[in-house]
Amino acid sequence: MGAGDTHKAGPFTYIALIVIGIGSILPLYWTFVAASHTQDEVLASTPPFLPGGRLWHNLQAAWEGAALGKAIVNTLIVSASITAATLFFCTLAGYAFAKMRFKGRGWLMTAVIATLTIPPQLSVVPLFMMMSDIGWSGKLESVIFPTLVSAFGVFFMRQYLLEALPYELIEAAKIDGASNFRIVLSVVLPVARPAMMVLGMLTFVQAWNDFFWPYLALNQQNPTIQVALGQLSASYTPDQSIVMAGALISTLPLLVVFVVFGKQIVGGIMSGAVKG
C-alpha cells in the first residue's frame, strides 16, 4: 500500500461510534430532562423522555438553595490555582527527571511513583491538623496548597519529554549560549505543550469534581461546587429535580472549558503523536 492510501471505515465502525456517542450524551441529556420536570414526574413509573417546562424554576431553586454562585467562584479559584501550579511544577520536574543528569535521579523518581500507591485517605488526619495549626481551616488555601504538585503529573510529563524532547535540541541551545531558564522557555515548553494541555484538562476536571477533601477542609459557608451539591441533596427528602438542576449547573462550566480548549487539546495530542 502506498503512503497516500487511506483506510475506509466499515459499517461496524460507524455503528460503534454512534453507540458510544449516544452513551456519552445520554447521562447529560437525562440530567437536563430531569431538571426540567417536577420530582413526581421524574420518579414516575414511566419517567419523561422529553424536556419539561420547569427548568428555569428548578435552576433558580438550586442556585438559591445551595448558594451555588459562591460555590462556583470558589471552585474556579481552586481549580485554576491547582491547574496552573501543577503545570508549572510538574513540567519543570518532568524535564529535570527526563533530561538532566544528577545523583539519585532514579531513586527520586521511584519515590515519586511510589507515592501513587498511597491512598490519599491516609494523610487526611495529619493534613487536617496541619491546616488547623497554620490557621487555614475552612479557607480555600487548605484545599489549594496540599495539591499544588501531582506525582502523576511529574510522571506524565517525564514520560512525554523522554521521547518528545531530543538531547540534540538542548545541546544546540547550550552551544548558542542559552541559560537553563532560556532553554526551558524556548525549547522545553514548546515541545511539552501537547502534554501540558492534556495534563491541564485532567487536573482541572479532577479539581472541579473533588469532594472528599474540600468537604472536610471547608465549612458550609465557604463550599466548593461539589460540597454545595452535597448539601443540596443531604436533606431528609431532597427534591431530585432540583438536585439534577444543581448538577446541571455544576457541569456547564466544564462543558464551556472543553468547548473553548477542546480543539487545542485534540490538536496538541495529534501533534505529539506525529512528533512521537
C-alpha atoms as a PDB file:
ATOM      1  CA  MET A   1       0.000   0.000   0.000  1.00  0.00           C
ATOM      2  CA  GLY A   2       1.221   3.490  -0.833  1.00  0.00           C
ATOM      3  CA  ALA A   3       1.866   6.259   1.629  1.00  0.00           C
ATOM      4  CA  GLY A   4      -1.206   8.099   0.408  1.00  0.00           C
ATOM      5  CA  ASP A   5      -3.586   5.169   0.851  1.00  0.00           C
ATOM      6  CA  THR A   6      -6.280   5.545   3.480  1.00  0.00           C
ATOM      7  CA  HIS A   7      -8.384   3.015   5.331  1.00  0.00           C
ATOM      8  CA  LYS A   8     -12.126   3.369   4.888  1.00  0.00           C
ATOM      9  CA  ALA A   9     -14.248   2.821   7.956  1.00  0.00           C
ATOM     10  CA  GLY A  10     -16.742  -0.022   7.698  1.00  0.00           C
ATOM     11  CA  PRO A  11     -20.376  -0.003   8.874  1.00  0.00           C
ATOM     12  CA  PHE A  12     -19.498  -1.582  12.221  1.00  0.00           C
ATOM     13  CA  THR A  13     -17.139   1.313  12.940  1.00  0.00           C
ATOM     14  CA  TYR A  14     -19.916   3.834  12.383  1.00  0.00           C
ATOM     15  CA  ILE A  15     -22.357   1.792  14.467  1.00  0.00           C
ATOM     16  CA  ALA A  16     -19.834   1.600  17.313  1.00  0.00           C
ATOM     17  CA  LEU A  17     -19.185   5.352  17.131  1.00  0.00           C
ATOM     18  CA  ILE A  18     -22.924   6.083  17.179  1.00  0.00           C
ATOM     19  CA  VAL A  19     -23.463   3.819  20.201  1.00  0.00           C
ATOM     20  CA  ILE A  20     -20.520   5.385  22.048  1.00  0.00           C
ATOM     21  CA  GLY A  21     -21.764   8.883  21.191  1.00  0.00           C
ATOM     22  CA  ILE A  22     -25.281   8.142  22.437  1.00  0.00           C
ATOM     23  CA  GLY A  23     -23.908   6.534  25.594  1.00  0.00           C
ATOM     24  CA  SER A  24     -21.785   9.621  26.259  1.00  0.00           C
ATOM     25  CA  ILE A  25     -24.557  12.147  25.656  1.00  0.00           C
ATOM     26  CA  LEU A  26     -27.418  10.268  27.341  1.00  0.00           C
ATOM     27  CA  PRO A  27     -26.436  10.983  31.008  1.00  0.00           C
ATOM     28  CA  LEU A  28     -26.161  14.710  30.301  1.00  0.00           C
ATOM     29  CA  TYR A  29     -29.448  14.670  28.379  1.00  0.00           C
ATOM     30  CA  TRP A  30     -31.218  12.843  31.211  1.00  0.00           C
ATOM     31  CA  THR A  31     -29.867  15.371  33.705  1.00  0.00           C
ATOM     32  CA  PHE A  32     -31.326  18.137  31.535  1.00  0.00           C
ATOM     33  CA  VAL A  33     -34.684  16.337  31.233  1.00  0.00           C
ATOM     34  CA  ALA A  34     -34.915  15.599  34.973  1.00  0.00           C
ATOM     35  CA  ALA A  35     -34.007  19.202  35.796  1.00  0.00           C
ATOM     36  CA  SER A  36     -36.923  20.440  33.682  1.00  0.00           C
ATOM     37  CA  HIS A  37     -39.660  18.404  35.412  1.00  0.00           C
ATOM     38  CA  THR A  38     -41.156  18.073  38.877  1.00  0.00           C
ATOM     39  CA  GLN A  39     -39.955  15.397  41.271  1.00  0.00           C
ATOM     40  CA  ASP A  40     -43.198  13.427  40.879  1.00  0.00           C
ATOM     41  CA  GLU A  41     -42.727  13.332  37.117  1.00  0.00           C
ATOM     42  CA  VAL A  42     -39.091  12.262  37.433  1.00  0.00           C
ATOM     43  CA  LEU A  43     -39.913   9.453  39.889  1.00  0.00           C
ATOM     44  CA  ALA A  44     -42.971   8.228  37.986  1.00  0.00           C
ATOM     45  CA  SER A  45     -43.119   4.609  36.839  1.00  0.00           C
ATOM     46  CA  THR A  46     -42.752   5.919  33.286  1.00  0.00           C
ATOM     47  CA  PRO A  47     -40.249   8.769  33.534  1.00  0.00           C
ATOM     48  CA  PRO A  48     -40.336  11.537  30.918  1.00  0.00           C
ATOM     49  CA  PHE A  49     -38.025  11.424  27.936  1.00  0.00           C
ATOM     50  CA  LEU A  50     -38.612  14.932  26.612  1.00  0.00           C
ATOM     51  CA  PRO A  51     -37.761  18.202  28.429  1.00  0.00           C
ATOM     52  CA  GLY A  52     -40.464  19.858  30.517  1.00  0.00           C
ATOM     53  CA  GLY A  53     -41.260  23.437  31.403  1.00  0.00           C
ATOM     54  CA  ARG A  54     -39.805  23.811  34.917  1.00  0.00           C
ATOM     55  CA  LEU A  55     -36.133  24.140  34.008  1.00  0.00           C
ATOM     56  CA  TRP A  56     -35.756  27.798  34.953  1.00  0.00           C
ATOM     57  CA  HIS A  57     -37.707  27.323  38.196  1.00  0.00           C
ATOM     58  CA  ASN A  58     -35.544  24.366  39.256  1.00  0.00           C
ATOM     59  CA  LEU A  59     -32.313  26.113  38.270  1.00  0.00           C
ATOM     60  CA  GLN A  60     -33.282  29.137  40.349  1.00  0.00           C
ATOM     61  CA  ALA A  61     -34.262  26.934  43.309  1.00  0.00           C
ATOM     62  CA  ALA A  62     -30.946  25.069  43.158  1.00  0.00           C
ATOM     63  CA  TRP A  63     -28.965  28.306  42.758  1.00  0.00           C
ATOM     64  CA  GLU A  64     -30.580  29.898  45.807  1.00  0.00           C
ATOM     65  CA  GLY A  65     -30.923  26.745  47.910  1.00  0.00           C
ATOM     66  CA  ALA A  66     -27.228  25.830  47.879  1.00  0.00           C
ATOM     67  CA  ALA A  67     -25.537  29.212  47.275  1.00  0.00           C
ATOM     68  CA  LEU A  68     -24.131  27.848  44.025  1.00  0.00           C
ATOM     69  CA  GLY A  69     -22.886  31.253  42.884  1.00  0.00           C
ATOM     70  CA  LYS A  70     -20.298  31.495  45.650  1.00  0.00           C
ATOM     71  CA  ALA A  71     -19.524  27.790  45.319  1.00  0.00           C
ATOM     72  CA  ILE A  72     -18.756  28.147  41.606  1.00  0.00           C
ATOM     73  CA  VAL A  73     -16.470  31.131  42.235  1.00  0.00           C
ATOM     74  CA  ASN A  74     -14.646  29.188  44.961  1.00  0.00           C
ATOM     75  CA  THR A  75     -14.276  26.167  42.697  1.00  0.00           C
ATOM     76  CA  LEU A  76     -12.963  28.276  39.824  1.00  0.00           C
ATOM     77  CA  ILE A  77     -10.325  29.787  42.127  1.00  0.00           C
ATOM     78  CA  VAL A  78      -9.336  26.376  43.484  1.00  0.00           C
ATOM     79  CA  SER A  79      -9.301  24.589  40.118  1.00  0.00           C
ATOM     80  CA  ALA A  80      -7.444  27.346  38.261  1.00  0.00           C
ATOM     81  CA  SER A  81      -4.824  27.685  41.021  1.00  0.00           C
ATOM     82  CA  ILE A  82      -4.216  23.936  41.248  1.00  0.00           C
ATOM     83  CA  THR A  83      -4.049  23.575  37.460  1.00  0.00           C
ATOM     84  CA  ALA A  84      -1.586  26.442  36.995  1.00  0.00           C
ATOM     85  CA  ALA A  85       0.672  25.243  39.816  1.00  0.00           C
ATOM     86  CA  THR A  86       0.542  21.626  38.656  1.00  0.00           C
ATOM     87  CA  LEU A  87       1.530  22.562  35.104  1.00  0.00           C
ATOM     88  CA  PHE A  88       4.384  24.761  36.325  1.00  0.00           C
ATOM     89  CA  PHE A  89       5.932  22.407  38.870  1.00  0.00           C
ATOM     90  CA  CYS A  90       5.254  19.139  37.043  1.00  0.00           C
ATOM     91  CA  THR A  91       6.679  20.399  33.749  1.00  0.00           C
ATOM     92  CA  LEU A  92       9.883  21.556  35.442  1.00  0.00           C
ATOM     93  CA  ALA A  93      10.181  18.362  37.480  1.00  0.00           C
ATOM     94  CA  GLY A  94       9.357  16.200  34.474  1.00  0.00           C
ATOM     95  CA  TYR A  95      12.061  17.921  32.435  1.00  0.00           C
ATOM     96  CA  ALA A  96      14.590  17.511  35.240  1.00  0.00           C
ATOM     97  CA  PHE A  97      13.872  13.798  35.621  1.00  0.00           C
ATOM     98  CA  ALA A  98      13.810  13.229  31.858  1.00  0.00           C
ATOM     99  CA  LYS A  99      16.835  15.164  30.603  1.00  0.00           C
ATOM    100  CA  MET A 100      19.003  16.387  33.481  1.00  0.00           C
ATOM    101  CA  ARG A 101      21.629  14.113  34.994  1.00  0.00           C
ATOM    102  CA  PHE A 102      22.118  14.259  38.761  1.00  0.00           C
ATOM    103  CA  LYS A 103      22.825  11.848  41.585  1.00  0.00           C
ATOM    104  CA  GLY A 104      19.858   9.903  42.887  1.00  0.00           C
ATOM    105  CA  ARG A 105      17.645  10.691  39.900  1.00  0.00           C
ATOM    106  CA  GLY A 106      16.416   7.112  39.586  1.00  0.00           C
ATOM    107  CA  TRP A 107      15.746   6.730  43.306  1.00  0.00           C
ATOM    108  CA  LEU A 108      13.898  10.031  43.481  1.00  0.00           C
ATOM    109  CA  MET A 109      11.732   9.079  40.509  1.00  0.00           C
ATOM    110  CA  THR A 110      10.971   5.751  42.161  1.00  0.00           C
ATOM    111  CA  ALA A 111       9.943   7.590  45.329  1.00  0.00           C
ATOM    112  CA  VAL A 112       7.637   9.881  43.319  1.00  0.00           C
ATOM    113  CA  ILE A 113       5.982   6.901  41.634  1.00  0.00           C
ATOM    114  CA  ALA A 114       5.692   5.078  44.978  1.00  0.00           C
ATOM    115  CA  THR A 115       3.557   7.895  46.376  1.00  0.00           C
ATOM    116  CA  LEU A 116       0.893   6.983  43.804  1.00  0.00           C
ATOM    117  CA  THR A 117       0.312   3.724  45.686  1.00  0.00           C
ATOM    118  CA  ILE A 118      -0.519   5.502  48.968  1.00  0.00           C
ATOM    119  CA  PRO A 119      -4.274   6.043  49.489  1.00  0.00           C
ATOM    120  CA  PRO A 120      -4.944   9.766  49.991  1.00  0.00           C
ATOM    121  CA  GLN A 121      -7.213   8.939  52.940  1.00  0.00           C
ATOM    122  CA  LEU A 122      -4.129   8.037  55.000  1.00  0.00           C
ATOM    123  CA  SER A 123      -2.966  11.646  55.009  1.00  0.00           C
ATOM    124  CA  VAL A 124      -6.324  13.212  55.866  1.00  0.00           C
ATOM    125  CA  VAL A 125      -5.878  13.418  59.654  1.00  0.00           C
ATOM    126  CA  PRO A 126      -2.309  14.832  59.705  1.00  0.00           C
ATOM    127  CA  LEU A 127      -3.151  17.157  56.821  1.00  0.00           C
ATOM    128  CA  PHE A 128      -6.244  18.442  58.608  1.00  0.00           C
ATOM    129  CA  MET A 129      -4.231  19.039  61.787  1.00  0.00           C
ATOM    130  CA  MET A 130      -1.549  20.846  59.790  1.00  0.00           C
ATOM    131  CA  MET A 131      -4.090  23.143  58.130  1.00  0.00           C
ATOM    132  CA  SER A 132      -5.628  23.907  61.529  1.00  0.00           C
ATOM    133  CA  ASP A 133      -2.228  24.748  63.041  1.00  0.00           C
ATOM    134  CA  ILE A 134      -1.437  27.098  60.148  1.00  0.00           C
ATOM    135  CA  GLY A 135      -4.832  28.774  60.533  1.00  0.00           C
ATOM    136  CA  TRP A 136      -6.194  27.732  57.147  1.00  0.00           C
ATOM    137  CA  SER A 137      -9.035  25.555  58.411  1.00  0.00           C
ATOM    138  CA  GLY A 138     -12.194  26.460  56.496  1.00  0.00           C
ATOM    139  CA  LYS A 139     -10.273  28.551  53.939  1.00  0.00           C
ATOM    140  CA  LEU A 140      -9.634  27.857  50.254  1.00  0.00           C
ATOM    141  CA  GLU A 141      -5.886  27.742  50.921  1.00  0.00           C
ATOM    142  CA  SER A 142      -6.406  24.454  52.765  1.00  0.00           C
ATOM    143  CA  VAL A 143      -7.731  22.914  49.537  1.00  0.00           C
ATOM    144  CA  ILE A 144      -5.270  24.541  47.134  1.00  0.00           C
ATOM    145  CA  PHE A 145      -1.844  24.144  48.742  1.00  0.00           C
ATOM    146  CA  PRO A 146      -1.870  20.380  49.507  1.00  0.00           C
ATOM    147  CA  THR A 147      -2.446  19.644  45.808  1.00  0.00           C
ATOM    148  CA  LEU A 148      -0.089  22.098  44.101  1.00  0.00           C
ATOM    149  CA  VAL A 149       2.093  19.240  42.820  1.00  0.00           C
ATOM    150  CA  SER A 150       0.901  15.932  41.407  1.00  0.00           C
ATOM    151  CA  ALA A 151       3.036  12.787  41.398  1.00  0.00           C
ATOM    152  CA  PHE A 152       1.071  11.589  38.383  1.00  0.00           C
ATOM    153  CA  GLY A 153       1.752  14.913  36.662  1.00  0.00           C
ATOM    154  CA  VAL A 154       5.503  14.604  37.237  1.00  0.00           C
ATOM    155  CA  PHE A 155       5.498  11.047  35.888  1.00  0.00           C
ATOM    156  CA  PHE A 156       3.292  12.007  32.932  1.00  0.00           C
ATOM    157  CA  MET A 157       5.477  14.933  31.869  1.00  0.00           C
ATOM    158  CA  ARG A 158       8.668  12.946  32.389  1.00  0.00           C
ATOM    159  CA  GLN A 159       7.455  10.104  30.163  1.00  0.00           C
ATOM    160  CA  TYR A 160       6.404  12.526  27.446  1.00  0.00           C
ATOM    161  CA  LEU A 161       9.616  14.561  27.447  1.00  0.00           C
ATOM    162  CA  LEU A 162      11.761  11.429  27.396  1.00  0.00           C
ATOM    163  CA  GLU A 163      10.510  10.694  23.874  1.00  0.00           C
ATOM    164  CA  ALA A 164       9.483  14.093  22.526  1.00  0.00           C
ATOM    165  CA  LEU A 165      12.498  16.196  23.553  1.00  0.00           C
ATOM    166  CA  PRO A 166      15.783  15.095  21.932  1.00  0.00           C
ATOM    167  CA  TYR A 167      19.052  15.885  23.676  1.00  0.00           C
ATOM    168  CA  GLU A 168      20.265  17.494  20.444  1.00  0.00           C
ATOM    169  CA  LEU A 169      17.857  20.409  20.885  1.00  0.00           C
ATOM    170  CA  ILE A 170      19.108  21.049  24.405  1.00  0.00           C
ATOM    171  CA  GLU A 171      22.762  20.797  23.364  1.00  0.00           C
ATOM    172  CA  ALA A 172      22.187  23.141  20.417  1.00  0.00           C
ATOM    173  CA  ALA A 173      20.614  25.688  22.751  1.00  0.00           C
ATOM    174  CA  LYS A 174      23.576  25.412  25.141  1.00  0.00           C
ATOM    175  CA  ILE A 175      26.019  25.933  22.270  1.00  0.00           C
ATOM    176  CA  ASP A 176      24.129  29.101  21.362  1.00  0.00           C
ATOM    177  CA  GLY A 177      24.718  30.317  24.921  1.00  0.00           C
ATOM    178  CA  ALA A 178      21.201  29.814  26.254  1.00  0.00           C
ATOM    179  CA  SER A 179      20.797  29.683  30.024  1.00  0.00           C
ATOM    180  CA  ASN A 180      18.728  27.000  31.756  1.00  0.00           C
ATOM    181  CA  PHE A 181      15.854  29.461  32.022  1.00  0.00           C
ATOM    182  CA  ARG A 182      16.033  30.219  28.287  1.00  0.00           C
ATOM    183  CA  ILE A 183      16.193  26.508  27.449  1.00  0.00           C
ATOM    184  CA  VAL A 184      13.054  25.828  29.462  1.00  0.00           C
ATOM    185  CA  LEU A 185      11.250  28.831  27.998  1.00  0.00           C
ATOM    186  CA  SER A 186      12.260  28.434  24.349  1.00  0.00           C
ATOM    187  CA  VAL A 187      12.846  24.696  23.968  1.00  0.00           C
ATOM    188  CA  VAL A 188      11.104  22.679  26.677  1.00  0.00           C
ATOM    189  CA  LEU A 189       7.765  24.495  26.879  1.00  0.00           C
ATOM    190  CA  PRO A 190       7.009  24.448  23.114  1.00  0.00           C
ATOM    191  CA  VAL A 191       7.798  20.727  22.954  1.00  0.00           C
ATOM    192  CA  ALA A 192       5.847  19.978  26.142  1.00  0.00           C
ATOM    193  CA  ARG A 193       2.766  21.976  25.108  1.00  0.00           C
ATOM    194  CA  PRO A 194       0.669  18.977  23.910  1.00  0.00           C
ATOM    195  CA  ALA A 195       1.238  17.069  27.152  1.00  0.00           C
ATOM    196  CA  MET A 196       0.637  20.217  29.202  1.00  0.00           C
ATOM    197  CA  MET A 197      -2.741  20.727  27.540  1.00  0.00           C
ATOM    198  CA  VAL A 198      -3.803  17.179  28.387  1.00  0.00           C
ATOM    199  CA  LEU A 199      -2.466  17.370  31.945  1.00  0.00           C
ATOM    200  CA  GLY A 200      -4.123  20.748  32.441  1.00  0.00           C
ATOM    201  CA  MET A 201      -7.515  19.427  31.382  1.00  0.00           C
ATOM    202  CA  LEU A 202      -7.218  16.317  33.569  1.00  0.00           C
ATOM    203  CA  THR A 203      -6.103  18.380  36.563  1.00  0.00           C
ATOM    204  CA  PHE A 204      -8.844  20.979  36.150  1.00  0.00           C
ATOM    205  CA  VAL A 205     -11.576  18.348  35.878  1.00  0.00           C
ATOM    206  CA  GLN A 206     -10.236  16.451  38.886  1.00  0.00           C
ATOM    207  CA  ALA A 207     -10.030  19.608  40.997  1.00  0.00           C
ATOM    208  CA  TRP A 208     -13.518  20.679  39.899  1.00  0.00           C
ATOM    209  CA  ASN A 209     -15.060  17.314  40.805  1.00  0.00           C
ATOM    210  CA  ASP A 210     -13.148  16.793  44.061  1.00  0.00           C
ATOM    211  CA  PHE A 211     -15.466  16.282  47.019  1.00  0.00           C
ATOM    212  CA  PHE A 212     -13.775  14.383  49.842  1.00  0.00           C
ATOM    213  CA  TRP A 213     -11.024  16.772  50.950  1.00  0.00           C
ATOM    214  CA  PRO A 214     -12.976  20.031  50.340  1.00  0.00           C
ATOM    215  CA  TYR A 215     -15.844  18.541  52.346  1.00  0.00           C
ATOM    216  CA  LEU A 216     -13.514  18.029  55.317  1.00  0.00           C
ATOM    217  CA  ALA A 217     -11.436  21.189  54.959  1.00  0.00           C
ATOM    218  CA  LEU A 218     -14.130  23.795  54.235  1.00  0.00           C
ATOM    219  CA  ASN A 219     -17.168  24.898  56.196  1.00  0.00           C
ATOM    220  CA  GLN A 220     -20.740  25.127  54.937  1.00  0.00           C
ATOM    221  CA  GLN A 221     -20.489  28.887  54.422  1.00  0.00           C
ATOM    222  CA  ASN A 222     -17.496  28.584  52.082  1.00  0.00           C
ATOM    223  CA  PRO A 223     -18.009  25.445  49.960  1.00  0.00           C
ATOM    224  CA  THR A 224     -16.849  24.302  46.561  1.00  0.00           C
ATOM    225  CA  ILE A 225     -19.441  23.266  43.998  1.00  0.00           C
ATOM    226  CA  GLN A 226     -19.404  19.545  44.838  1.00  0.00           C
ATOM    227  CA  VAL A 227     -19.740  20.249  48.561  1.00  0.00           C
ATOM    228  CA  ALA A 228     -22.633  22.619  47.833  1.00  0.00           C
ATOM    229  CA  LEU A 229     -24.352  19.930  45.769  1.00  0.00           C
ATOM    230  CA  GLY A 230     -23.867  17.529  48.649  1.00  0.00           C
ATOM    231  CA  GLN A 231     -25.628  19.994  50.937  1.00  0.00           C
ATOM    232  CA  LEU A 232     -28.430  20.315  48.390  1.00  0.00           C
ATOM    233  CA  SER A 233     -29.068  16.572  48.370  1.00  0.00           C
ATOM    234  CA  ALA A 234     -28.454  15.983  52.092  1.00  0.00           C
ATOM    235  CA  SER A 235     -31.920  16.924  53.307  1.00  0.00           C
ATOM    236  CA  TYR A 236     -34.268  14.233  54.590  1.00  0.00           C
ATOM    237  CA  THR A 237     -36.403  14.316  51.437  1.00  0.00           C
ATOM    238  CA  PRO A 238     -34.402  16.061  48.698  1.00  0.00           C
ATOM    239  CA  ASP A 239     -36.194  17.189  45.546  1.00  0.00           C
ATOM    240  CA  GLN A 240     -34.454  15.158  42.857  1.00  0.00           C
ATOM    241  CA  SER A 241     -35.399  17.560  40.079  1.00  0.00           C
ATOM    242  CA  ILE A 242     -33.708  20.424  41.952  1.00  0.00           C
ATOM    243  CA  VAL A 243     -30.687  18.233  42.689  1.00  0.00           C
ATOM    244  CA  MET A 244     -30.453  17.461  38.970  1.00  0.00           C
ATOM    245  CA  ALA A 245     -30.703  21.173  38.210  1.00  0.00           C
ATOM    246  CA  GLY A 246     -27.774  21.785  40.552  1.00  0.00           C
ATOM    247  CA  ALA A 247     -25.802  19.004  38.868  1.00  0.00           C
ATOM    248  CA  LEU A 248     -26.538  20.608  35.502  1.00  0.00           C
ATOM    249  CA  ILE A 249     -25.236  23.963  36.743  1.00  0.00           C
ATOM    250  CA  SER A 250     -22.046  22.333  38.029  1.00  0.00           C
ATOM    251  CA  THR A 251     -21.480  20.600  34.687  1.00  0.00           C
ATOM    252  CA  LEU A 252     -21.874  23.649  32.452  1.00  0.00           C
ATOM    253  CA  PRO A 253     -18.500  25.289  33.310  1.00  0.00           C
ATOM    254  CA  LEU A 254     -16.692  22.054  32.426  1.00  0.00           C
ATOM    255  CA  LEU A 255     -18.505  21.942  29.089  1.00  0.00           C
ATOM    256  CA  VAL A 256     -17.509  25.549  28.409  1.00  0.00           C
ATOM    257  CA  VAL A 257     -13.863  24.768  29.207  1.00  0.00           C
ATOM    258  CA  PHE A 258     -13.899  21.780  26.881  1.00  0.00           C
ATOM    259  CA  VAL A 259     -15.592  23.712  24.069  1.00  0.00           C
ATOM    260  CA  VAL A 260     -13.056  26.544  24.371  1.00  0.00           C
ATOM    261  CA  PHE A 261      -9.932  24.407  24.762  1.00  0.00           C
ATOM    262  CA  GLY A 262     -11.027  21.058  23.314  1.00  0.00           C
ATOM    263  CA  LYS A 263      -9.794  21.794  19.801  1.00  0.00           C
ATOM    264  CA  GLN A 264      -6.396  22.874  21.119  1.00  0.00           C
ATOM    265  CA  ILE A 265      -6.139  19.759  23.295  1.00  0.00           C
ATOM    266  CA  VAL A 266      -7.022  17.400  20.441  1.00  0.00           C
ATOM    267  CA  GLY A 267      -4.650  19.286  18.152  1.00  0.00           C
ATOM    268  CA  GLY A 268      -1.918  19.056  20.769  1.00  0.00           C
ATOM    269  CA  ILE A 269      -2.444  15.313  21.149  1.00  0.00           C
ATOM    270  CA  MET A 270      -2.258  14.803  17.379  1.00  0.00           C
ATOM    271  CA  SER A 271       0.846  16.995  17.180  1.00  0.00           C
ATOM    272  CA  GLY A 272       2.502  14.990  19.936  1.00  0.00           C
ATOM    273  CA  ALA A 273       1.564  11.738  18.203  1.00  0.00           C
ATOM    274  CA  VAL A 274       3.110  12.932  14.937  1.00  0.00           C
ATOM    275  CA  LYS A 275       6.315  14.006  16.715  1.00  0.00           C
ATOM    276  CA  GLY A 276       6.463  10.689  18.551  1.00  0.00           C
END
